[in-house]
């Protein structure tokens, strides 16, 4: 459970939420694209659950984000800011 709240996990959740909000997509709209309940989106955004790799890819695709580039940017930022 402790790793769920590690800085890098928090940053990933924040970046995904920011991406959703920039697109003006509600949690419900994202959940609909993922064919999941709204609580799925809420829980990963607030840290109650983790995304596995394929769920991460699905979320990125639903937000029209390249998952590899997105993760690469996150890791680059992490290395610069030392929160890995």
Protein backbone atom coordinates (compact mmCIF):
# COMPACT_ATOMS: atom_id res chain seq x y z
CA UNK A 1 0.00 0.00 0.00
CA UNK A 2 2.88 2.33 0.79
CA UNK A 3 4.17 2.17 -2.80
CA UNK A 4 0.76 3.25 -4.05
CA UNK A 5 1.45 6.66 -2.56
CA UNK A 6 5.08 6.88 -3.68
CA UNK A 7 5.93 10.18 -5.41
CA UNK A 8 6.23 8.62 -8.86
CA UNK A 9 2.81 6.98 -8.56
CA UNK A 10 1.31 10.25 -7.38
CA UNK A 11 2.86 12.05 -10.37
CA UNK A 12 1.52 9.48 -12.81
CA UNK A 13 -1.98 9.86 -11.39
CA UNK A 14 -1.70 13.65 -11.47
CA UNK A 15 -0.46 13.69 -15.06
CA UNK A 16 -3.29 11.43 -16.22
CA UNK A 17 -5.89 13.53 -14.42
CA UNK A 18 -4.39 16.73 -15.82
CA UNK A 19 -4.52 15.26 -19.33
CA UNK A 20 -8.19 14.33 -18.87
CA UNK A 21 -9.03 17.78 -17.53
CA UNK A 22 -7.16 19.56 -20.38
CA UNK A 23 -9.42 17.70 -22.79
CA UNK A 24 -12.49 18.71 -20.75
CA UNK A 25 -13.46 15.07 -20.35
CA UNK A 26 -15.32 14.09 -17.20
CA UNK A 27 -14.53 10.96 -15.25
CA UNK A 28 -17.81 9.52 -16.50
CA UNK A 29 -16.93 10.22 -20.14
CA UNK A 30 -13.53 8.59 -19.73
CA UNK A 31 -15.12 5.63 -17.97
CA UNK A 32 -17.57 5.26 -20.87
CA UNK A 33 -14.67 5.18 -23.36
CA UNK A 34 -13.04 2.48 -21.24
CA UNK A 35 -16.27 0.55 -20.76
CA UNK A 36 -15.74 0.78 -17.01
CA UNK A 37 -17.70 2.36 -14.16
CA UNK A 38 -16.93 5.95 -13.20
CA UNK A 39 -15.57 4.67 -9.89
CA UNK A 40 -12.71 2.98 -11.80
CA UNK A 41 -11.47 6.38 -12.98
CA UNK A 42 -12.05 8.01 -9.62
CA UNK A 43 -10.19 5.29 -7.75
CA UNK A 44 -7.07 5.38 -9.90
CA UNK A 45 -7.03 9.19 -9.93
CA UNK A 46 -7.17 9.45 -6.13
CA UNK A 47 -4.87 6.50 -5.53
CA UNK A 48 -7.27 3.91 -4.18
CA UNK A 49 -6.16 1.51 -6.90
CA UNK A 50 -3.25 1.10 -9.28
CA UNK A 51 -3.40 0.74 -13.02
CA UNK A 52 -1.76 -2.30 -14.49
CA UNK A 53 0.23 -1.80 -17.69
CA UNK A 54 -2.60 -2.60 -20.07
CA UNK A 55 -5.04 -0.42 -18.15
CA UNK A 56 -2.51 2.41 -18.38
CA UNK A 57 -2.30 1.91 -22.16
CA UNK A 58 -6.11 1.86 -22.42
CA UNK A 59 -6.43 5.09 -20.42
CA UNK A 60 -3.79 6.80 -22.55
CA UNK A 61 -5.46 5.69 -25.76
CA UNK A 62 -8.86 6.86 -24.50
CA UNK A 63 -7.24 10.27 -23.89
CA UNK A 64 -5.52 10.20 -27.31
CA UNK A 65 -2.10 10.11 -25.65
CA UNK A 66 0.86 8.07 -26.85
CA UNK A 67 1.53 5.90 -23.77
CA UNK A 68 5.25 5.50 -24.52
CA UNK A 69 5.89 9.22 -25.02
CA UNK A 70 3.74 10.08 -22.00
CA UNK A 71 5.65 7.71 -19.74
CA UNK A 72 8.97 8.84 -21.22
CA UNK A 73 8.19 12.45 -20.39
CA UNK A 74 7.10 11.50 -16.88
CA UNK A 75 10.34 9.57 -16.30
CA UNK A 76 12.42 12.40 -17.73
CA UNK A 77 10.72 14.85 -15.38
CA UNK A 78 11.25 12.42 -12.51
CA UNK A 79 14.96 12.11 -13.17
CA UNK A 80 15.38 15.89 -13.32
CA UNK A 81 13.43 16.45 -10.12
CA UNK A 82 14.77 13.38 -8.31
CA UNK A 83 11.37 11.98 -7.29
CA UNK A 84 11.79 8.56 -8.84
